[in-house]
Amino acid sequence: MNPDSDEGDDWTKYADTGYTSTYDPWADMVPITENEEEDEFDDDFDDLGDSNLRGRDIPRCPAPAGIEHTIQIGTCNHCLGRVAGVRIAGDPLDVVGERIRAQALERDPDLKVNADADCCPFCEDLFLDLDLIVNRISAEVEGVEFTKAQLGIHFSKDHVAAEEVLRSTIAATGSRPLKATLSEAVQSAFSEKSPGVTWVKEKPELMLLFDTLTLGVNADIRALFLYGRYRKLARGIPQTRWPCRACRGRDGGCESCNGTGQQYPHSIQSLVCEPMVDATNAASDAFHGMGREDIDVHCLGDGRPFVAELKSPLLRTIDLDKLTKKINKAAKGQIEIHGLRASNRAEVARIKETKAEKSYTIRFNCENTLSDEDITTRIQSLSGQVLEQQTPQRVAHRRADKIRKRKVVSIENILVEDNEVQFDVRCESGTYVKELVHSDEGRTNPSVSGVLEADCEVIWLDVKDIHAD
């Protein structure tokens, strides 16, 4: 089974009705003249029946002569039921085809299949291999928990083109294409063996690709998404895994990272996702947060929204309350999560795109001769101001150097204790809060350092709340 690969092959291109084809069945045909077309049309039927019965003389199904010719060229019961144009509601195609064949034999007891017909010219006996196909699908998905699946079928270009020619000249008008019909037959046969499975066109838990040339099956287990919020209770923990700078995260690590391959022993991602991977038997994980705090910053309040992506999970039914308790117990004192629920890829995009205001508590050191009241008044004057922040020097190596405008929504709870000052600030998403205090050598304007006319050094910073709801 292939691991989840959303950015890889687009499996839906192999599915039946509702999806575009991966090829043009007429792409390899060459232009011909009007006279050549008539000769080629006649030749197409030389191998399909009596050579004296030319293609233009054969009526299409459901005419009796058309049905007889369709039987003569070796058409199987499934395809006969599909192309004959005889509607019998509720009956499987092979049953319909068997009845049509019996009726034709009643009209002409001497009717038989031509000796040179070695397989059904429409499906190449694929319908006769239904049991084999279903068994191969069952073997491929053994041990995988799923209730919603999507089936794609890959045909060779030549097969599709040949079947289309036959169907457009012999079959009754309006008969269904081979791909859609075979897909329904496989789905129906598999559902009889696994009655809890629903076949869908969108948002499957499992995508199956069947190759008609090799009769091989590939299964792509779609990712499982879980939404929640995390509170970061300890400093020194990055949000996502941080590969070791020395060995760059190679297998086995190095002495610098004690063989872990990670710059830090834990991350929010590892503390949250590793128990999830164990619970679902997933192949790997990804972590999507609504922004991120610096490694030395707490994240308190109601916590930061996140979506955990579990790739190729074998299990999907899990007790989320039990899982939450397990994660919190293992990460006690470092992080805690709450509000765990099912999610989807669309919510990942929503989380990434949401520009939520955030509230912070920040404490800094500042040596000046101002009174406590004056310090409070000057800091308070920044409330409602729009900052112009040039990309900070500490992140200039990985972000574009430009000036960003961000609004300080409010400042409150200003506390002055000797040379240390603490206050709460609410500001727009994307505000560099540390730089709001120390100005980053004038790259943020206005700033606390600017209004106090003194150098300021941040002692600590906490995310107080994220106003995402």
Protein backbone atom coordinates (compact mmCIF):
# COMPACT_ATOMS: atom_id res chain seq x y z
CA MET A 1 0.00 0.00 0.00
CA ASN A 2 1.24 3.45 -0.89
CA PRO A 3 1.54 6.05 1.86
CA ASP A 4 -0.73 8.95 1.72
CA SER A 5 0.31 11.17 -1.16
CA ASP A 6 -1.96 14.13 -1.64
CA GLU A 7 0.63 15.94 -3.66
CA GLY A 8 1.39 12.90 -5.75
CA ASP A 9 -0.81 11.13 -8.29
CA ASP A 10 -4.35 12.41 -8.72
CA TRP A 11 -6.16 9.10 -8.40
CA THR A 12 -9.53 10.58 -9.29
CA LYS A 13 -8.40 10.83 -12.88
CA TYR A 14 -8.89 7.06 -13.12
CA ALA A 15 -12.39 7.08 -11.63
CA ASP A 16 -15.54 6.69 -13.66
CA THR A 17 -18.35 9.16 -14.32
CA GLY A 18 -17.66 12.67 -13.17
CA TYR A 19 -13.90 12.78 -13.72
CA THR A 20 -11.85 13.67 -16.73
CA SER A 21 -10.00 11.04 -18.68
CA THR A 22 -6.24 10.69 -18.53
CA TYR A 23 -5.93 10.32 -22.24
CA ASP A 24 -7.62 10.95 -25.56
CA PRO A 25 -8.58 7.58 -27.09
CA TRP A 26 -8.42 9.14 -30.57
CA ALA A 27 -5.02 10.79 -30.08
CA ASP A 28 -3.07 8.10 -31.95
CA MET A 29 -5.41 7.92 -34.97
CA VAL A 30 -4.18 9.39 -38.25
CA PRO A 31 -6.26 11.46 -40.68
CA ILE A 32 -7.70 9.44 -43.54
CA THR A 33 -9.52 10.26 -46.71
CA GLU A 34 -13.19 9.62 -47.27
CA ASN A 35 -12.52 6.54 -49.43
CA GLU A 36 -10.01 5.14 -46.98
CA GLU A 37 -12.51 5.53 -44.14
CA GLU A 38 -15.06 3.33 -45.88
CA ASP A 39 -12.49 0.58 -46.54
CA GLU A 40 -11.19 0.67 -42.97
CA PHE A 41 -14.71 0.51 -41.56
CA ASP A 42 -15.34 -2.65 -43.58
CA ASP A 43 -12.06 -4.22 -42.44
CA ASP A 44 -12.88 -3.65 -38.79
CA PHE A 45 -15.50 -6.37 -39.00
CA ASP A 46 -13.60 -8.98 -40.99
CA ASP A 47 -12.48 -10.61 -37.76
CA LEU A 48 -15.78 -10.18 -35.94
CA GLY A 49 -18.01 -12.60 -37.84
CA ASP A 50 -18.92 -13.90 -41.25
CA SER A 51 -16.65 -12.19 -43.78
CA ASN A 52 -19.59 -12.02 -46.14
CA LEU A 53 -21.50 -9.92 -43.61
CA ARG A 54 -19.97 -6.48 -43.96
CA GLY A 55 -20.07 -3.93 -41.13
CA ARG A 56 -22.50 -1.65 -42.92
CA ASP A 57 -24.94 -4.56 -43.30
CA ILE A 58 -25.10 -5.39 -39.59
CA PRO A 59 -27.90 -3.62 -37.70
CA ARG A 60 -27.13 -2.36 -34.23
CA CYS A 61 -28.55 -3.90 -31.11
CA PRO A 62 -31.29 -4.37 -29.99
CA ALA A 63 -32.20 -5.68 -33.48
CA PRO A 64 -32.14 -9.52 -33.40
CA ALA A 65 -29.50 -9.64 -36.13
CA GLY A 66 -27.34 -7.20 -34.16
CA ILE A 67 -27.66 -9.28 -30.99
CA GLU A 68 -26.81 -12.45 -32.91
CA HIS A 69 -23.72 -10.86 -34.38
CA THR A 70 -22.70 -9.58 -30.94
CA ILE A 71 -22.96 -13.15 -29.60
CA GLN A 72 -21.03 -14.56 -32.57
CA ILE A 73 -17.98 -12.38 -31.94
CA GLY A 74 -17.63 -13.81 -28.42
CA THR A 75 -19.30 -11.17 -26.22
CA CYS A 76 -19.59 -12.26 -22.57
CA ASN A 77 -22.91 -12.19 -20.70
CA HIS A 78 -21.98 -9.03 -18.76
CA CYS A 79 -21.19 -7.06 -21.91
CA LEU A 80 -24.15 -8.58 -23.78
CA GLY A 81 -26.44 -7.35 -21.04
CA ARG A 82 -24.73 -3.94 -21.24
CA VAL A 83 -24.79 -3.35 -25.02
CA ALA A 84 -27.89 -5.24 -26.19
CA GLY A 85 -30.28 -2.47 -25.22
CA VAL A 86 -32.75 -4.78 -23.48
CA ARG A 87 -33.84 -3.24 -20.19
CA ILE A 88 -34.66 -5.60 -17.34
CA ALA A 89 -34.85 -3.54 -14.16
CA GLY A 90 -33.22 -4.95 -11.05
CA ASP A 91 -31.32 -7.82 -12.66
CA PRO A 92 -27.51 -7.95 -12.80
CA LEU A 93 -25.98 -7.51 -16.24
CA ASP A 94 -24.75 -11.10 -16.48
CA VAL A 95 -28.26 -12.38 -15.76
CA VAL A 96 -29.67 -10.04 -18.41
CA GLY A 97 -27.04 -11.22 -20.89
CA GLU A 98 -27.76 -14.85 -20.14
CA ARG A 99 -31.46 -14.34 -20.90
CA ILE A 100 -30.70 -12.47 -24.13
CA ARG A 101 -28.38 -15.28 -25.21
CA ALA A 102 -31.03 -17.91 -24.42
CA GLN A 103 -33.66 -15.99 -26.42
CA ALA A 104 -31.28 -15.70 -29.38
CA LEU A 105 -30.65 -19.46 -29.27
CA GLU A 106 -34.37 -20.09 -29.28
CA ARG A 107 -34.62 -18.06 -32.48
CA ASP A 108 -31.58 -19.77 -34.01
CA PRO A 109 -30.48 -23.02 -32.36
CA ASP A 110 -27.41 -23.14 -34.63
CA LEU A 111 -26.12 -19.79 -33.34
CA LYS A 112 -22.64 -20.17 -31.91
CA VAL A 113 -19.52 -18.20 -31.13
CA ASN A 114 -16.94 -17.97 -33.88
CA ALA A 115 -14.00 -20.29 -33.34
CA ASP A 116 -11.46 -17.48 -33.61
CA ALA A 117 -13.04 -15.45 -30.74
CA ASP A 118 -10.67 -16.10 -27.82
CA CYS A 119 -12.15 -13.51 -25.43
CA CYS A 120 -14.93 -10.95 -25.14
CA PRO A 121 -14.07 -8.18 -27.63
CA PHE A 122 -15.55 -5.54 -25.33
CA CYS A 123 -14.06 -6.27 -21.89
CA GLU A 124 -11.39 -8.86 -22.76
CA ASP A 125 -12.99 -11.13 -20.16
CA LEU A 126 -12.47 -8.69 -17.29
CA PHE A 127 -15.98 -9.39 -15.98
CA LEU A 128 -15.08 -13.07 -15.74
CA ASP A 129 -12.27 -12.09 -13.36
CA LEU A 130 -14.53 -10.28 -10.87
CA ASP A 131 -13.86 -12.79 -8.09
CA LEU A 132 -10.11 -12.51 -8.63
CA ILE A 133 -10.28 -8.69 -8.63
CA VAL A 134 -12.32 -8.61 -5.42
CA ASN A 135 -9.96 -11.07 -3.72
CA ARG A 136 -6.97 -8.93 -4.67
CA ILE A 137 -8.65 -5.80 -3.32
CA SER A 138 -9.49 -7.63 -0.09
CA ALA A 139 -5.90 -8.79 0.29
CA GLU A 140 -4.57 -5.27 -0.35
CA VAL A 141 -6.79 -3.63 2.28
CA GLU A 142 -6.55 -6.32 4.93
CA GLY A 143 -6.09 -4.73 8.34
CA VAL A 144 -7.26 -1.28 7.15
CA GLU A 145 -10.31 0.23 8.86
CA PHE A 146 -12.48 2.20 6.43
CA THR A 147 -16.14 2.76 5.57
CA LYS A 148 -15.89 5.12 2.58
CA ALA A 149 -13.91 4.11 -0.50
CA GLN A 150 -13.40 5.31 -4.05
CA LEU A 151 -12.46 3.06 -6.95
CA GLY A 152 -10.40 4.08 -9.95
CA ILE A 153 -9.78 1.81 -12.93
CA HIS A 154 -6.89 2.20 -15.36
CA PHE A 155 -7.31 0.89 -18.91
CA SER A 156 -4.78 0.86 -21.71
CA LYS A 157 -5.34 3.44 -24.43
CA ASP A 158 -5.79 0.72 -27.09
CA HIS A 159 -8.44 -1.09 -25.07
CA VAL A 160 -10.52 2.03 -24.54
CA ALA A 161 -10.29 3.00 -28.21
CA ALA A 162 -11.21 -0.51 -29.46
CA GLU A 163 -14.15 -0.79 -27.07
CA GLU A 164 -15.43 2.62 -28.10
CA VAL A 165 -15.35 1.63 -31.79
CA LEU A 166 -17.30 -1.55 -31.09
CA ARG A 167 -19.80 0.16 -28.86
CA SER A 168 -20.41 2.99 -31.34
CA THR A 169 -21.08 0.60 -34.22
CA ILE A 170 -22.64 -2.54 -32.73
CA ALA A 171 -24.07 -1.64 -29.33
CA ALA A 172 -27.50 -0.16 -28.76
CA THR A 173 -27.59 3.61 -28.57
CA GLY A 174 -27.09 4.83 -25.02
CA SER A 175 -25.26 1.74 -23.75
CA ARG A 176 -22.89 2.52 -20.89
CA PRO A 177 -19.10 2.70 -21.30
CA LEU A 178 -17.00 -0.21 -20.10
CA LYS A 179 -15.13 1.72 -17.37
CA ALA A 180 -18.25 2.87 -15.51
CA THR A 181 -19.92 -0.53 -15.81
CA LEU A 182 -16.88 -2.50 -14.65
CA SER A 183 -16.41 -0.09 -11.76
CA GLU A 184 -20.00 -0.66 -10.60
CA ALA A 185 -19.61 -4.42 -10.95
CA VAL A 186 -16.41 -4.48 -8.87
CA GLN A 187 -17.95 -2.22 -6.22
CA SER A 188 -21.08 -4.38 -6.01
CA ALA A 189 -19.07 -7.60 -5.75
CA PHE A 190 -16.80 -6.15 -3.06
CA SER A 191 -19.77 -4.77 -1.10
CA GLU A 192 -21.26 -8.27 -0.93
CA LYS A 193 -18.05 -9.43 0.72
CA SER A 194 -17.65 -6.31 2.89
CA PRO A 195 -21.17 -4.92 3.45
CA GLY A 196 -20.07 -2.00 5.63
CA VAL A 197 -18.29 -0.18 2.80
CA THR A 198 -19.87 2.81 1.02
CA TRP A 199 -18.52 3.85 -2.39
CA VAL A 200 -18.16 7.62 -2.75
CA LYS A 201 -16.98 10.19 -5.29
CA GLU A 202 -15.61 12.69 -2.76
CA LYS A 203 -13.70 12.54 0.52
CA PRO A 204 -12.97 8.80 0.63
CA GLU A 205 -11.06 7.22 3.47
CA LEU A 206 -9.47 4.79 1.04
CA MET A 207 -8.71 5.16 -2.66
CA LEU A 208 -8.26 2.01 -4.75
CA LEU A 209 -6.67 1.85 -8.18
CA PHE A 210 -7.18 -1.28 -10.27
CA ASP A 211 -5.04 -1.85 -13.36
CA THR A 212 -6.80 -3.90 -16.05
CA LEU A 213 -3.51 -4.91 -17.70
CA THR A 214 -1.88 -6.49 -14.66
CA LEU A 215 -5.00 -7.06 -12.53
CA GLY A 216 -2.98 -5.33 -9.82
CA VAL A 217 -4.48 -3.22 -7.03
CA ASN A 218 -2.99 -0.20 -5.28
CA ALA A 219 -4.52 1.16 -2.08
CA ASP A 220 -4.02 4.75 -0.93
CA ILE A 221 -5.15 5.32 2.66
CA ARG A 222 -6.25 8.91 3.07
CA ALA A 223 -5.06 10.95 6.04
CA LEU A 224 -7.02 11.31 9.27
CA PHE A 225 -7.30 14.85 10.66
CA LEU A 226 -7.87 15.79 14.31
CA TYR A 227 -8.50 19.35 15.54
CA GLY A 228 -7.66 20.59 19.03
CA ARG A 229 -6.02 23.37 21.05
CA TYR A 230 -2.74 23.17 22.94
CA ARG A 231 -1.44 25.12 25.91
CA LYS A 232 2.34 25.34 26.18
CA LEU A 233 3.30 25.29 29.83
CA ALA A 234 7.11 25.15 29.57
CA ARG A 235 9.63 27.24 27.71
CA GLY A 236 12.25 25.76 25.40
CA ILE A 237 9.85 23.63 23.34
CA PRO A 238 9.49 24.30 19.58
CA GLN A 239 6.12 23.87 17.92
CA THR A 240 7.28 21.37 15.28
CA ARG A 241 10.15 18.91 15.13
CA TRP A 242 13.47 20.68 14.67
CA PRO A 243 16.14 18.56 12.92
CA CYS A 244 19.58 18.56 14.52
CA ARG A 245 21.80 21.29 13.03
CA ALA A 246 24.80 18.94 13.02
CA CYS A 247 23.36 15.81 11.37
CA ARG A 248 20.24 17.45 9.86
CA GLY A 249 17.99 14.79 11.30
CA ARG A 250 19.52 11.75 9.62
CA ASP A 251 18.56 8.28 10.84
CA GLY A 252 20.49 7.39 13.96
CA GLY A 253 21.32 11.01 14.72
CA CYS A 254 24.73 12.02 16.02
CA GLU A 255 26.54 12.74 19.28
CA SER A 256 25.32 16.33 19.27
CA CYS A 257 21.65 15.26 19.42
CA ASN A 258 22.21 12.05 21.42
CA GLY A 259 21.10 9.95 18.47
CA THR A 260 17.66 11.53 18.22
CA GLY A 261 18.18 13.51 15.03
CA GLN A 262 16.39 16.43 16.74
CA GLN A 263 17.78 19.74 17.98
CA TYR A 264 15.39 19.59 20.94
CA PRO A 265 14.26 16.36 22.64
CA HIS A 266 10.57 17.34 22.46
CA SER A 267 8.27 19.50 20.37
CA ILE A 268 4.56 20.26 20.48
CA GLN A 269 4.27 18.07 17.39
CA SER A 270 6.02 15.07 18.92
CA LEU A 271 4.19 15.33 22.25
CA VAL A 272 0.79 15.56 20.51
CA CYS A 273 1.20 13.43 17.40
CA GLU A 274 3.26 10.45 18.54
CA PRO A 275 0.50 9.09 20.82
CA MET A 276 -1.95 9.68 17.92
CA VAL A 277 0.28 7.73 15.55
CA ASP A 278 0.39 4.85 18.03
CA ALA A 279 -3.40 4.91 18.49
CA THR A 280 -4.14 4.84 14.74
CA ASN A 281 -1.14 2.83 13.48
CA ALA A 282 -0.40 5.73 11.12
CA ALA A 283 2.70 5.82 8.94
CA SER A 284 3.67 9.39 9.86
CA ASP A 285 2.25 12.74 10.94
CA ALA A 286 2.17 16.46 10.19
CA PHE A 287 1.27 19.32 12.50
CA HIS A 288 -0.62 22.44 11.42
CA GLY A 289 -0.92 25.30 13.91
CA MET A 290 -2.67 28.67 13.76
CA GLY A 291 0.63 30.49 13.76
CA ARG A 292 3.34 29.66 16.27
CA GLU A 293 4.97 31.14 19.34
CA ASP A 294 8.72 31.48 19.81
CA ILE A 295 10.47 28.57 21.46
CA ASP A 296 10.97 30.53 24.71
CA VAL A 297 7.32 31.66 24.94
CA HIS A 298 4.44 30.13 26.89
CA CYS A 299 1.04 29.75 25.19
CA LEU A 300 -1.70 29.99 27.81
CA GLY A 301 -5.38 30.94 27.96
CA ASP A 302 -7.59 28.74 25.81
CA GLY A 303 -4.58 27.58 23.83
CA ARG A 304 -3.55 27.66 20.17
CA PRO A 305 -5.73 25.88 17.57
CA PHE A 306 -4.06 23.07 15.64
CA VAL A 307 -4.86 20.20 13.29
CA ALA A 308 -2.88 16.97 13.51
CA GLU A 309 -2.61 15.09 10.21
CA LEU A 310 -2.13 11.33 10.58
CA LYS A 311 -0.96 9.80 7.32
CA SER A 312 -2.03 6.33 6.15
CA PRO A 313 -3.78 5.34 9.42
CA LEU A 314 -4.84 1.71 9.69
CA LEU A 315 -7.38 2.58 12.40
CA ARG A 316 -9.88 5.44 12.40
CA THR A 317 -12.21 4.67 15.28
CA ILE A 318 -10.48 5.99 18.39
CA ASP A 319 -11.66 7.26 21.78
CA LEU A 320 -10.71 10.95 21.62
CA ASP A 321 -11.32 11.58 25.34
CA LYS A 322 -9.07 8.68 26.24
CA LEU A 323 -6.45 9.86 23.76
CA THR A 324 -6.55 13.40 25.18
CA LYS A 325 -5.93 12.10 28.70
CA LYS A 326 -3.07 9.92 27.47
CA ILE A 327 -1.36 12.85 25.73
CA ASN A 328 -1.78 15.18 28.72
CA LYS A 329 -0.49 12.58 31.17
CA ALA A 330 2.63 11.86 29.10
CA ALA A 331 3.34 15.58 28.52
CA LYS A 332 2.47 16.78 32.03
CA GLY A 333 4.18 20.04 32.86
CA GLN A 334 5.11 20.66 29.21
CA ILE A 335 1.86 20.94 27.27
CA GLU A 336 -1.80 20.05 27.54
CA ILE A 337 -4.47 19.76 24.87
CA HIS A 338 -8.26 19.96 24.88
CA GLY A 339 -11.20 20.06 22.48
CA LEU A 340 -10.00 17.14 20.35
CA ARG A 341 -12.42 16.31 17.52
CA ALA A 342 -12.52 15.06 13.93
CA SER A 343 -11.37 17.51 11.28
CA ASN A 344 -10.52 17.63 7.58
CA ARG A 345 -8.07 19.14 5.12
CA ALA A 346 -10.29 22.16 4.53
CA GLU A 347 -9.89 23.10 8.19
CA VAL A 348 -6.12 22.98 7.80
CA ALA A 349 -6.45 25.72 5.18
CA ARG A 350 -8.80 27.70 7.44
CA ILE A 351 -6.37 27.53 10.35
CA LYS A 352 -3.45 28.58 8.18
CA GLU A 353 -5.37 31.51 6.70
CA THR A 354 -7.04 32.82 9.88
CA LYS A 355 -5.57 36.12 11.03
CA ALA A 356 -6.58 36.12 14.68
CA GLU A 357 -5.76 38.90 17.11
CA LYS A 358 -3.61 37.77 20.02
CA SER A 359 -3.14 38.93 23.58
CA TYR A 360 0.29 38.78 25.26
CA THR A 361 1.80 39.44 28.65
CA ILE A 362 5.33 40.77 28.39
CA ARG A 363 7.92 41.69 31.04
CA PHE A 364 11.03 43.69 30.31
CA ASN A 365 13.93 45.44 31.99
CA CYS A 366 14.48 49.16 31.49
CA GLU A 367 16.83 51.59 33.24
CA ASN A 368 15.51 55.16 33.22
CA THR A 369 14.81 58.08 35.51
CA LEU A 370 11.09 58.35 34.74
CA SER A 371 8.44 58.05 37.45
CA ASP A 372 6.17 55.03 37.55
CA GLU A 373 3.25 57.22 36.51
CA ASP A 374 5.17 58.65 33.57
CA ILE A 375 6.23 55.17 32.43
CA THR A 376 2.63 54.01 32.58
CA THR A 377 1.36 57.03 30.65
CA ARG A 378 3.96 56.72 27.92
CA ILE A 379 3.39 52.98 27.39
CA GLN A 380 -0.36 53.52 27.42
CA SER A 381 0.05 56.04 24.59
CA LEU A 382 0.90 53.16 22.24
CA SER A 383 -2.64 51.74 22.57
CA GLY A 384 -4.42 52.12 19.24
CA GLN A 385 -1.21 52.99 17.37
CA VAL A 386 -0.27 51.41 14.03
CA LEU A 387 3.28 50.05 14.08
CA GLU A 388 5.63 50.03 11.14
CA GLN A 389 7.78 46.94 11.62
CA GLN A 390 10.68 46.14 9.36
CA THR A 391 11.46 42.44 9.31
CA PRO A 392 13.33 41.73 12.58
CA GLN A 393 17.00 40.90 12.38
CA ARG A 394 16.41 37.60 14.19
CA VAL A 395 14.23 36.25 11.35
CA ALA A 396 15.68 38.19 8.41
CA HIS A 397 17.47 35.05 7.18
CA ARG A 398 14.17 33.29 6.47
CA ARG A 399 11.66 36.08 5.80
CA ALA A 400 11.41 38.82 3.21
CA ASP A 401 12.86 42.13 4.35
CA LYS A 402 9.90 44.51 4.21
CA ILE A 403 7.91 46.87 6.40
CA ARG A 404 4.67 45.47 7.85
CA LYS A 405 1.96 47.62 9.42
CA ARG A 406 0.29 46.14 12.49
CA LYS A 407 -2.14 47.74 14.94
CA VAL A 408 -1.81 47.69 18.72
CA VAL A 409 -5.44 47.13 19.73
CA SER A 410 -5.05 47.79 23.46
CA ILE A 411 -2.55 47.95 26.31
CA GLU A 412 -3.58 47.37 29.91
CA ASN A 413 -2.49 46.07 33.33
CA ILE A 414 0.78 48.03 33.27
CA LEU A 415 2.91 47.12 36.29
CA VAL A 416 6.14 48.90 37.22
CA GLU A 417 8.50 47.27 39.74
CA ASP A 418 11.82 49.07 40.06
CA ASN A 419 13.59 48.58 36.72
CA GLU A 420 11.15 45.92 35.50
CA VAL A 421 7.89 46.65 33.69
CA GLN A 422 5.09 44.28 32.75
CA PHE A 423 1.93 44.84 30.71
CA ASP A 424 -0.75 43.08 28.66
CA VAL A 425 -1.12 43.92 24.99
CA ARG A 426 -3.66 42.88 22.37
CA CYS A 427 -2.55 43.30 18.76
CA GLU A 428 -3.15 42.21 15.21
CA SER A 429 -1.96 38.86 13.90
CA GLY A 430 1.65 38.99 12.76
CA THR A 431 2.80 41.65 15.21
CA TYR A 432 6.39 41.21 16.42
CA VAL A 433 5.73 41.79 20.11
CA LYS A 434 9.31 41.62 21.37
CA GLU A 435 10.26 44.24 18.82
CA LEU A 436 7.34 46.39 19.99
CA VAL A 437 9.26 46.60 23.28
CA HIS A 438 12.94 46.89 22.34
CA SER A 439 12.42 48.39 18.83
CA ASP A 440 15.05 46.16 17.18
CA GLU A 441 17.46 49.09 16.78
CA GLY A 442 14.69 51.33 15.45
CA ARG A 443 13.27 48.83 12.96
CA THR A 444 9.91 48.97 14.81
CA ASN A 445 8.35 52.40 15.16
CA PRO A 446 6.80 53.50 17.45
CA SER A 447 8.00 51.26 20.27
CA VAL A 448 8.15 51.09 24.07
CA SER A 449 11.86 51.77 23.91
CA GLY A 450 11.16 54.85 21.81
CA VAL A 451 8.50 56.39 24.05
CA LEU A 452 10.56 55.69 27.18
CA GLU A 453 13.71 56.98 25.50
CA ALA A 454 15.68 54.09 26.97
CA ASP A 455 17.02 50.67 26.05
CA CYS A 456 14.62 47.83 26.92
CA GLU A 457 15.41 44.13 27.23
CA VAL A 458 12.65 41.52 27.17
CA ILE A 459 12.74 39.16 30.15
CA TRP A 460 9.88 36.89 29.13
CA LEU A 461 6.80 36.79 26.94
CA ASP A 462 3.64 34.72 27.20
CA VAL A 463 0.79 34.28 24.73
CA LYS A 464 -2.17 35.12 26.93
CA ASP A 465 -4.90 34.23 24.47
CA ILE A 466 -5.63 33.71 20.76
CA HIS A 467 -8.91 35.29 19.70
CA ALA A 468 -9.77 32.83 16.96
CA ASP A 469 -13.48 32.29 17.67
